[in-house]
Amino acid sequence: MGVRNFVVEGVSGTGKTAVCLELRRRGFPAVNGDRELAYQGDPRTGAAVDGLSGLDVHAHHLWNAELVRQRAADRSEPVTFFCGGSRNVGAFLDLFDEVFVLTVDAATLDDRLDARAGDEWAGRGRTAERALVRRLHASGADTPPGTPIDATRPLSAVVDEILRRCGLLGA
């Protein structure tokens, strides 16, 4: 997809999907990894698993590493953004020129999770999932190392900062 490839990561509720949609709106190739690359699989082997629910969904949320590698190897675009999170990001982290990690404070995270419907991950009424998101947010254990991006700001400012850091928007 891109001569240069970037990943936008962060815990649930930090704005990865919103950033993906805004990048696309601005004309940048952006892959919504959680919708276009994800499946439920064994984190050690990558083998697909069925019938998971609750917290197991999160622990087995993988991206198809081979598909990520294929898309990253396609040089038809000058830049491509991969947005989302996966438990196997380490299997393909070497493909990215930079990792951007969206960060928010606990109150913003709670507000964003409160805005989710009950059928969405960590949405209203999904207390165990929300508790997991809060623990991961507090520990940082669920995201790869990368450049932190303050995602409490308006979406346009968040995307502008990412584009500036990629050299795609003037200072």
N, C-alpha and C. Protein backbone atom coordinates (compact mmCIF):
# COMPACT_ATOMS: atom_id res chain seq x y z
N MET A 1 0.81 -1.18 0.00
CA MET A 1 0.00 0.00 0.00
C MET A 1 0.86 1.25 0.00
N GLY A 2 1.89 1.26 0.84
CA GLY A 2 2.64 2.50 0.93
C GLY A 2 4.14 2.29 0.90
N VAL A 3 4.83 3.27 0.32
CA VAL A 3 6.29 3.28 0.38
C VAL A 3 6.69 3.43 1.85
N ARG A 4 5.92 4.24 2.57
CA ARG A 4 6.09 4.37 4.02
C ARG A 4 4.78 3.92 4.67
N ASN A 5 4.88 3.17 5.75
CA ASN A 5 3.72 2.65 6.45
C ASN A 5 3.78 3.04 7.91
N PHE A 6 2.64 3.45 8.43
CA PHE A 6 2.53 3.88 9.81
C PHE A 6 1.38 3.14 10.47
N VAL A 7 1.51 2.89 11.77
CA VAL A 7 0.42 2.28 12.51
C VAL A 7 -0.05 3.27 13.57
N VAL A 8 -1.37 3.33 13.73
CA VAL A 8 -2.00 4.16 14.76
C VAL A 8 -2.63 3.19 15.76
N GLU A 9 -2.10 3.16 16.96
CA GLU A 9 -2.48 2.21 18.01
C GLU A 9 -3.07 2.96 19.19
N GLY A 10 -3.46 2.21 20.20
CA GLY A 10 -3.99 2.76 21.44
C GLY A 10 -5.04 1.82 22.00
N VAL A 11 -5.36 1.96 23.28
CA VAL A 11 -6.38 1.10 23.86
C VAL A 11 -7.75 1.47 23.30
N SER A 12 -8.71 0.60 23.51
CA SER A 12 -10.09 0.86 23.07
C SER A 12 -10.55 2.20 23.62
N GLY A 13 -11.16 2.99 22.74
CA GLY A 13 -11.70 4.27 23.15
C GLY A 13 -10.80 5.46 22.94
N THR A 14 -9.59 5.25 22.44
CA THR A 14 -8.68 6.38 22.26
C THR A 14 -8.87 7.10 20.93
N GLY A 15 -9.59 6.46 19.97
CA GLY A 15 -9.91 7.17 18.74
C GLY A 15 -9.30 6.61 17.47
N LYS A 16 -8.87 5.37 17.49
CA LYS A 16 -8.21 4.78 16.31
C LYS A 16 -9.13 4.77 15.09
N THR A 17 -10.37 4.37 15.27
CA THR A 17 -11.31 4.32 14.15
C THR A 17 -11.61 5.72 13.65
N ALA A 18 -11.80 6.67 14.54
CA ALA A 18 -12.07 8.05 14.13
C ALA A 18 -10.89 8.61 13.34
N VAL A 19 -9.66 8.33 13.77
CA VAL A 19 -8.47 8.80 13.05
C VAL A 19 -8.44 8.16 11.66
N CYS A 20 -8.74 6.88 11.58
CA CYS A 20 -8.75 6.19 10.28
C CYS A 20 -9.74 6.85 9.32
N LEU A 21 -10.93 7.11 9.81
CA LEU A 21 -11.96 7.73 8.96
C LEU A 21 -11.55 9.14 8.53
N GLU A 22 -10.93 9.89 9.43
CA GLU A 22 -10.50 11.25 9.09
C GLU A 22 -9.34 11.23 8.08
N LEU A 23 -8.42 10.29 8.24
CA LEU A 23 -7.35 10.16 7.25
C LEU A 23 -7.93 9.84 5.88
N ARG A 24 -8.88 8.94 5.82
CA ARG A 24 -9.53 8.61 4.55
C ARG A 24 -10.25 9.82 3.97
N ARG A 25 -10.95 10.54 4.85
CA ARG A 25 -11.67 11.74 4.38
C ARG A 25 -10.71 12.74 3.74
N ARG A 26 -9.50 12.79 4.26
CA ARG A 26 -8.49 13.71 3.73
C ARG A 26 -7.75 13.12 2.52
N GLY A 27 -8.11 11.93 2.12
CA GLY A 27 -7.54 11.34 0.92
C GLY A 27 -6.33 10.44 1.13
N PHE A 28 -6.02 10.11 2.38
CA PHE A 28 -4.89 9.24 2.65
C PHE A 28 -5.34 7.79 2.71
N PRO A 29 -4.57 6.88 2.16
CA PRO A 29 -4.90 5.46 2.30
C PRO A 29 -4.78 5.05 3.77
N ALA A 30 -5.87 4.52 4.31
CA ALA A 30 -5.88 4.11 5.70
C ALA A 30 -6.65 2.80 5.82
N VAL A 31 -6.04 1.85 6.48
CA VAL A 31 -6.62 0.53 6.68
C VAL A 31 -7.20 0.47 8.09
N ASN A 32 -8.46 0.13 8.21
CA ASN A 32 -9.05 -0.08 9.52
C ASN A 32 -8.77 -1.53 9.89
N GLY A 33 -7.69 -1.74 10.58
CA GLY A 33 -7.24 -3.09 10.89
C GLY A 33 -8.26 -3.90 11.66
N ASP A 34 -9.01 -3.24 12.55
CA ASP A 34 -9.99 -3.96 13.36
C ASP A 34 -11.15 -4.47 12.53
N ARG A 35 -11.37 -3.88 11.38
CA ARG A 35 -12.47 -4.31 10.52
C ARG A 35 -11.99 -5.04 9.26
N GLU A 36 -10.79 -4.72 8.79
CA GLU A 36 -10.32 -5.27 7.52
C GLU A 36 -9.27 -6.37 7.66
N LEU A 37 -8.63 -6.46 8.81
CA LEU A 37 -7.54 -7.42 8.98
C LEU A 37 -7.75 -8.38 10.14
N ALA A 38 -8.72 -8.09 10.99
CA ALA A 38 -8.85 -8.80 12.26
C ALA A 38 -9.63 -10.11 12.15
N TYR A 39 -9.26 -11.00 13.05
CA TYR A 39 -9.96 -12.26 13.24
C TYR A 39 -9.67 -12.72 14.66
N GLN A 40 -10.37 -13.72 15.11
CA GLN A 40 -10.13 -14.30 16.43
C GLN A 40 -9.19 -15.49 16.25
N GLY A 41 -8.03 -15.42 16.92
CA GLY A 41 -7.05 -16.47 16.75
C GLY A 41 -6.23 -16.73 17.99
N ASP A 42 -5.49 -17.80 17.96
CA ASP A 42 -4.60 -18.17 19.04
C ASP A 42 -3.39 -17.24 18.98
N PRO A 43 -3.14 -16.45 20.01
CA PRO A 43 -2.03 -15.49 19.96
C PRO A 43 -0.66 -16.13 19.76
N ARG A 44 -0.48 -17.41 20.12
CA ARG A 44 0.82 -18.07 19.95
C ARG A 44 1.00 -18.63 18.55
N THR A 45 -0.05 -19.23 18.02
CA THR A 45 0.08 -19.93 16.73
C THR A 45 -0.53 -19.16 15.56
N GLY A 46 -1.46 -18.28 15.85
CA GLY A 46 -2.17 -17.58 14.79
C GLY A 46 -3.36 -18.35 14.24
N ALA A 47 -3.55 -19.57 14.66
CA ALA A 47 -4.66 -20.40 14.16
C ALA A 47 -5.99 -19.78 14.59
N ALA A 48 -6.93 -19.73 13.66
CA ALA A 48 -8.25 -19.17 13.94
C ALA A 48 -8.97 -20.00 15.00
N VAL A 49 -9.71 -19.32 15.86
CA VAL A 49 -10.54 -19.97 16.86
C VAL A 49 -11.95 -19.39 16.79
N ASP A 50 -12.92 -20.24 17.05
CA ASP A 50 -14.32 -19.83 16.99
C ASP A 50 -14.96 -19.87 18.36
N GLY A 51 -16.10 -19.21 18.47
CA GLY A 51 -16.93 -19.32 19.66
C GLY A 51 -16.46 -18.53 20.86
N LEU A 52 -15.63 -17.53 20.67
CA LEU A 52 -15.15 -16.74 21.79
C LEU A 52 -16.16 -15.65 22.14
N SER A 53 -16.18 -15.29 23.40
CA SER A 53 -17.03 -14.18 23.83
C SER A 53 -16.37 -13.49 25.02
N GLY A 54 -16.93 -12.36 25.39
CA GLY A 54 -16.43 -11.62 26.55
C GLY A 54 -14.98 -11.22 26.41
N LEU A 55 -14.25 -11.36 27.50
CA LEU A 55 -12.85 -10.94 27.53
C LEU A 55 -11.96 -11.77 26.61
N ASP A 56 -12.39 -12.99 26.31
CA ASP A 56 -11.60 -13.84 25.41
C ASP A 56 -11.49 -13.22 24.02
N VAL A 57 -12.49 -12.46 23.62
CA VAL A 57 -12.46 -11.79 22.31
C VAL A 57 -11.24 -10.87 22.23
N HIS A 58 -11.02 -10.12 23.29
CA HIS A 58 -9.89 -9.19 23.31
C HIS A 58 -8.55 -9.94 23.26
N ALA A 59 -8.43 -10.95 24.07
CA ALA A 59 -7.17 -11.69 24.16
C ALA A 59 -6.81 -12.41 22.86
N HIS A 60 -7.79 -12.63 22.01
CA HIS A 60 -7.59 -13.37 20.76
C HIS A 60 -7.82 -12.50 19.53
N HIS A 61 -7.82 -11.19 19.71
CA HIS A 61 -8.03 -10.25 18.60
C HIS A 61 -6.71 -10.06 17.86
N LEU A 62 -6.58 -10.74 16.74
CA LEU A 62 -5.35 -10.71 15.95
C LEU A 62 -5.60 -10.06 14.60
N TRP A 63 -4.53 -9.59 13.99
CA TRP A 63 -4.58 -9.18 12.60
C TRP A 63 -3.92 -10.29 11.79
N ASN A 64 -4.40 -10.47 10.58
CA ASN A 64 -3.81 -11.44 9.67
C ASN A 64 -2.42 -10.91 9.28
N ALA A 65 -1.38 -11.47 9.89
CA ALA A 65 -0.02 -10.96 9.70
C ALA A 65 0.43 -11.04 8.25
N GLU A 66 0.06 -12.10 7.55
CA GLU A 66 0.45 -12.24 6.14
C GLU A 66 -0.21 -11.15 5.30
N LEU A 67 -1.48 -10.86 5.58
CA LEU A 67 -2.18 -9.80 4.85
C LEU A 67 -1.57 -8.43 5.16
N VAL A 68 -1.19 -8.20 6.41
CA VAL A 68 -0.51 -6.95 6.77
C VAL A 68 0.78 -6.84 5.96
N ARG A 69 1.56 -7.92 5.91
CA ARG A 69 2.83 -7.91 5.17
C ARG A 69 2.60 -7.65 3.68
N GLN A 70 1.57 -8.27 3.10
CA GLN A 70 1.27 -8.06 1.68
C GLN A 70 0.90 -6.60 1.41
N ARG A 71 0.03 -6.06 2.26
CA ARG A 71 -0.40 -4.67 2.05
C ARG A 71 0.75 -3.69 2.25
N ALA A 72 1.58 -3.95 3.24
CA ALA A 72 2.72 -3.06 3.49
C ALA A 72 3.75 -3.13 2.37
N ALA A 73 3.86 -4.28 1.71
CA ALA A 73 4.83 -4.45 0.63
C ALA A 73 4.39 -3.80 -0.67
N ASP A 74 3.12 -3.53 -0.82
CA ASP A 74 2.58 -2.87 -2.02
C ASP A 74 3.01 -1.41 -2.00
N ARG A 75 3.80 -1.01 -2.95
CA ARG A 75 4.35 0.35 -2.99
C ARG A 75 3.57 1.28 -3.91
N SER A 76 2.28 1.01 -4.13
CA SER A 76 1.49 1.83 -5.05
C SER A 76 1.10 3.19 -4.46
N GLU A 77 1.26 3.38 -3.18
CA GLU A 77 0.96 4.66 -2.53
C GLU A 77 2.21 5.16 -1.81
N PRO A 78 2.38 6.47 -1.72
CA PRO A 78 3.56 6.98 -1.01
C PRO A 78 3.51 6.72 0.50
N VAL A 79 2.29 6.60 1.06
CA VAL A 79 2.14 6.40 2.49
C VAL A 79 0.83 5.67 2.74
N THR A 80 0.83 4.81 3.76
CA THR A 80 -0.39 4.14 4.19
C THR A 80 -0.42 4.09 5.71
N PHE A 81 -1.60 4.28 6.26
CA PHE A 81 -1.81 4.21 7.70
C PHE A 81 -2.62 2.96 8.03
N PHE A 82 -2.16 2.21 9.02
CA PHE A 82 -2.87 1.04 9.53
C PHE A 82 -3.37 1.44 10.92
N CYS A 83 -4.67 1.43 11.11
CA CYS A 83 -5.25 1.91 12.37
C CYS A 83 -5.97 0.79 13.10
N GLY A 84 -5.65 0.64 14.37
CA GLY A 84 -6.32 -0.37 15.18
C GLY A 84 -5.33 -1.04 16.11
N GLY A 85 -5.83 -2.05 16.80
CA GLY A 85 -4.99 -2.76 17.74
C GLY A 85 -5.09 -4.25 17.54
N SER A 86 -4.03 -4.94 17.87
CA SER A 86 -4.04 -6.40 17.77
C SER A 86 -3.09 -6.97 18.80
N ARG A 87 -3.37 -8.18 19.22
CA ARG A 87 -2.51 -8.82 20.21
C ARG A 87 -1.24 -9.37 19.59
N ASN A 88 -1.18 -9.42 18.26
CA ASN A 88 0.01 -9.95 17.60
C ASN A 88 0.80 -8.87 16.84
N VAL A 89 0.67 -7.64 17.25
CA VAL A 89 1.35 -6.55 16.55
C VAL A 89 2.86 -6.77 16.46
N GLY A 90 3.43 -7.45 17.43
CA GLY A 90 4.86 -7.71 17.40
C GLY A 90 5.30 -8.54 16.20
N ALA A 91 4.37 -9.28 15.61
CA ALA A 91 4.70 -10.13 14.46
C ALA A 91 4.94 -9.33 13.19
N PHE A 92 4.53 -8.07 13.18
CA PHE A 92 4.70 -7.26 11.98
C PHE A 92 5.08 -5.81 12.28
N LEU A 93 5.47 -5.53 13.49
CA LEU A 93 5.84 -4.18 13.88
C LEU A 93 7.01 -3.66 13.05
N ASP A 94 7.86 -4.55 12.58
CA ASP A 94 9.03 -4.16 11.79
C ASP A 94 8.65 -3.54 10.45
N LEU A 95 7.41 -3.67 10.02
CA LEU A 95 6.97 -3.13 8.73
C LEU A 95 6.70 -1.64 8.76
N PHE A 96 6.58 -1.08 9.96
CA PHE A 96 6.14 0.30 10.09
C PHE A 96 7.29 1.26 10.31
N ASP A 97 7.18 2.39 9.64
CA ASP A 97 8.19 3.43 9.80
C ASP A 97 8.07 4.10 11.16
N GLU A 98 6.85 4.14 11.67
CA GLU A 98 6.63 4.72 12.99
C GLU A 98 5.31 4.21 13.53
N VAL A 99 5.27 4.09 14.86
CA VAL A 99 4.05 3.71 15.57
C VAL A 99 3.57 4.94 16.33
N PHE A 100 2.33 5.31 16.12
CA PHE A 100 1.71 6.39 16.88
C PHE A 100 0.73 5.77 17.86
N VAL A 101 0.86 6.14 19.13
CA VAL A 101 -0.01 5.60 20.17
C VAL A 101 -0.91 6.72 20.68
N LEU A 102 -2.21 6.57 20.41
CA LEU A 102 -3.18 7.55 20.87
C LEU A 102 -3.35 7.43 22.37
N THR A 103 -3.28 8.56 23.07
CA THR A 103 -3.41 8.56 24.52
C THR A 103 -4.53 9.51 24.93
N VAL A 104 -5.24 9.14 25.97
CA VAL A 104 -6.27 9.98 26.58
C VAL A 104 -6.18 9.81 28.09
N ASP A 105 -6.78 10.73 28.81
CA ASP A 105 -6.85 10.59 30.26
C ASP A 105 -8.03 9.68 30.61
N ALA A 106 -8.10 9.26 31.86
CA ALA A 106 -9.12 8.30 32.29
C ALA A 106 -10.54 8.85 32.12
N ALA A 107 -10.74 10.12 32.40
CA ALA A 107 -12.08 10.71 32.27
C ALA A 107 -12.54 10.72 30.81
N THR A 108 -11.64 11.07 29.90
CA THR A 108 -11.98 11.06 28.47
C THR A 108 -12.29 9.64 28.02
N LEU A 109 -11.48 8.69 28.48
CA LEU A 109 -11.72 7.29 28.13
C LEU A 109 -13.12 6.86 28.58
N ASP A 110 -13.47 7.16 29.82
CA ASP A 110 -14.79 6.81 30.33
C ASP A 110 -15.90 7.47 29.51
N ASP A 111 -15.73 8.74 29.17
CA ASP A 111 -16.74 9.44 28.36
C ASP A 111 -16.92 8.76 27.01
N ARG A 112 -15.82 8.37 26.40
CA ARG A 112 -15.91 7.73 25.08
C ARG A 112 -16.54 6.35 25.18
N LEU A 113 -16.20 5.60 26.20
CA LEU A 113 -16.83 4.29 26.38
C LEU A 113 -18.31 4.43 26.70
N ASP A 114 -18.66 5.47 27.47
CA ASP A 114 -20.08 5.73 27.78
C ASP A 114 -20.88 6.01 26.52
N ALA A 115 -20.24 6.57 25.51
CA ALA A 115 -20.93 6.92 24.27
C ALA A 115 -21.15 5.71 23.36
N ARG A 116 -20.52 4.59 23.67
CA ARG A 116 -20.67 3.39 22.85
C ARG A 116 -21.99 2.69 23.15
N ALA A 117 -22.53 2.09 22.13
CA ALA A 117 -23.76 1.30 22.29
C ALA A 117 -23.45 0.02 23.07
N GLY A 118 -24.48 -0.57 23.62
CA GLY A 118 -24.32 -1.79 24.41
C GLY A 118 -23.84 -2.99 23.63
N ASP A 119 -23.93 -2.95 22.30
CA ASP A 119 -23.45 -4.08 21.50
C ASP A 119 -22.03 -3.88 20.99
N GLU A 120 -21.38 -2.80 21.40
CA GLU A 120 -19.99 -2.53 21.02
C GLU A 120 -19.05 -2.97 22.14
N TRP A 121 -17.82 -3.31 21.77
CA TRP A 121 -16.82 -3.71 22.74
C TRP A 121 -16.69 -2.62 23.81
N ALA A 122 -16.81 -2.99 25.07
CA ALA A 122 -16.70 -2.10 26.24
C ALA A 122 -17.77 -1.02 26.25
N GLY A 123 -18.85 -1.26 25.51
CA GLY A 123 -19.96 -0.31 25.48
C GLY A 123 -20.78 -0.35 26.76
N ARG A 124 -21.89 0.39 26.75
CA ARG A 124 -22.76 0.48 27.93
C ARG A 124 -23.16 -0.91 28.42
N GLY A 125 -23.02 -1.12 29.72
CA GLY A 125 -23.44 -2.37 30.33
C GLY A 125 -22.43 -3.49 30.25
N ARG A 126 -21.33 -3.30 29.57
CA ARG A 126 -20.33 -4.37 29.41
C ARG A 126 -19.21 -4.13 30.43
N THR A 127 -19.54 -4.37 31.68
CA THR A 127 -18.67 -3.97 32.79
C THR A 127 -17.32 -4.70 32.80
N ALA A 128 -17.30 -5.98 32.51
CA ALA A 128 -16.02 -6.71 32.52
C ALA A 128 -15.09 -6.17 31.44
N GLU A 129 -15.63 -5.92 30.25
CA GLU A 129 -14.81 -5.38 29.16
C GLU A 129 -14.30 -3.99 29.51
N ARG A 130 -15.16 -3.17 30.08
CA ARG A 130 -14.75 -1.82 30.45
C ARG A 130 -13.67 -1.85 31.52
N ALA A 131 -13.81 -2.76 32.47
CA ALA A 131 -12.78 -2.88 33.51
C ALA A 131 -11.44 -3.27 32.90
N LEU A 132 -11.47 -4.17 31.92
CA LEU A 132 -10.23 -4.56 31.25
C LEU A 132 -9.62 -3.36 30.51
N VAL A 133 -10.43 -2.61 29.80
CA VAL A 133 -9.93 -1.43 29.08
C VAL A 133 -9.30 -0.46 30.06
N ARG A 134 -9.94 -0.23 31.18
CA ARG A 134 -9.38 0.68 32.18
C ARG A 134 -8.04 0.17 32.73
N ARG A 135 -7.95 -1.15 32.98
CA ARG A 135 -6.68 -1.72 33.47
C ARG A 135 -5.58 -1.56 32.42
N LEU A 136 -5.92 -1.85 31.18
CA LEU A 136 -4.93 -1.73 30.10
C LEU A 136 -4.51 -0.28 29.91
N HIS A 137 -5.46 0.63 30.02
CA HIS A 137 -5.17 2.06 29.91
C HIS A 137 -4.19 2.47 31.01
N ALA A 138 -4.45 2.03 32.23
CA ALA A 138 -3.61 2.41 33.36
C ALA A 138 -2.21 1.82 33.27
N SER A 139 -2.11 0.61 32.75
CA SER A 139 -0.81 -0.07 32.71
C SER A 139 -0.03 0.17 31.42
N GLY A 140 -0.73 0.47 30.33
CA GLY A 140 -0.07 0.61 29.03
C GLY A 140 0.36 -0.72 28.45
N ALA A 141 -0.07 -1.82 29.07
CA ALA A 141 0.40 -3.14 28.67
C ALA A 141 -0.14 -3.61 27.33
N ASP A 142 -1.13 -2.96 26.80
CA ASP A 142 -1.79 -3.45 25.60
C ASP A 142 -1.34 -2.77 24.31
N THR A 143 -0.40 -1.86 24.41
CA THR A 143 0.01 -1.12 23.22
C THR A 143 1.52 -1.22 23.03
N PRO A 144 1.95 -1.22 21.78
CA PRO A 144 3.39 -1.28 21.52
C PRO A 144 4.04 0.07 21.85
N PRO A 145 5.34 0.08 22.01
CA PRO A 145 6.02 1.36 22.21
C PRO A 145 5.87 2.21 20.95
N GLY A 146 5.76 3.50 21.15
CA GLY A 146 5.64 4.38 20.00
C GLY A 146 5.57 5.83 20.42
N THR A 147 5.30 6.67 19.46
CA THR A 147 5.19 8.11 19.69
C THR A 147 3.81 8.42 20.24
N PRO A 148 3.73 8.95 21.47
CA PRO A 148 2.41 9.26 22.02
C PRO A 148 1.79 10.47 21.32
N ILE A 149 0.49 10.35 21.07
CA ILE A 149 -0.29 11.43 20.47
C ILE A 149 -1.45 11.73 21.40
N ASP A 150 -1.54 12.96 21.87
CA ASP A 150 -2.62 13.36 22.77
C ASP A 150 -3.93 13.37 22.01
N ALA A 151 -4.76 12.36 22.22
CA ALA A 151 -6.01 12.22 21.49
C ALA A 151 -7.20 12.81 22.24
N THR A 152 -6.93 13.61 23.28
CA THR A 152 -8.01 14.31 23.95
C THR A 152 -8.40 15.57 23.17
N ARG A 153 -7.55 15.97 22.27
CA ARG A 153 -7.79 17.16 21.46
C ARG A 153 -8.81 16.87 20.36
N PRO A 154 -9.30 17.89 19.69
CA PRO A 154 -10.21 17.65 18.56
C PRO A 154 -9.56 16.75 17.51
N LEU A 155 -10.38 15.94 16.86
CA LEU A 155 -9.90 14.97 15.88
C LEU A 155 -9.01 15.61 14.82
N SER A 156 -9.39 16.77 14.33
CA SER A 156 -8.58 17.42 13.29
C SER A 156 -7.18 17.73 13.79
N ALA A 157 -7.04 18.13 15.06
CA ALA A 157 -5.72 18.43 15.62
C ALA A 157 -4.91 17.15 15.80
N VAL A 158 -5.56 16.06 16.19
CA VAL A 158 -4.87 14.78 16.35
C VAL A 158 -4.31 14.32 15.01
N VAL A 159 -5.15 14.36 13.97
CA VAL A 159 -4.71 13.91 12.65
C VAL A 159 -3.65 14.86 12.10
N ASP A 160 -3.80 16.16 12.31
CA ASP A 160 -2.78 17.11 11.87
C ASP A 160 -1.43 16.77 12.50
N GLU A 161 -1.42 16.44 13.79
CA GLU A 161 -0.14 16.11 14.44
C GLU A 161 0.48 14.85 13.84
N ILE A 162 -0.34 13.84 13.60
CA ILE A 162 0.19 12.61 12.98
C ILE A 162 0.77 12.93 11.61
N LEU A 163 0.05 13.69 10.82
CA LEU A 163 0.53 14.04 9.47
C LEU A 163 1.80 14.87 9.53
N ARG A 164 1.88 15.80 10.49
CA ARG A 164 3.10 16.60 10.66
C ARG A 164 4.29 15.71 11.00
N ARG A 165 4.08 14.77 11.89
CA ARG A 165 5.17 13.89 12.31
C ARG A 165 5.61 12.96 11.18
N CYS A 166 4.73 12.77 10.21
CA CYS A 166 5.07 11.94 9.02
C CYS A 166 5.66 12.80 7.90
N GLY A 167 5.74 14.12 8.12
CA GLY A 167 6.25 15.02 7.09
C GLY A 167 5.26 15.28 5.98
N LEU A 168 3.97 15.09 6.27
CA LEU A 168 2.93 15.25 5.25
C LEU A 168 2.12 16.53 5.43
N LEU A 169 2.48 17.31 6.43
CA LEU A 169 1.79 18.57 6.71
C LEU A 169 2.83 19.52 7.25
N GLY A 170 2.83 20.74 6.77
CA GLY A 170 3.82 21.73 7.22
C GLY A 170 3.73 22.00 8.71
N ALA A 171 4.83 22.44 9.26
CA ALA A 171 4.90 22.74 10.69
C ALA A 171 4.11 23.97 10.96
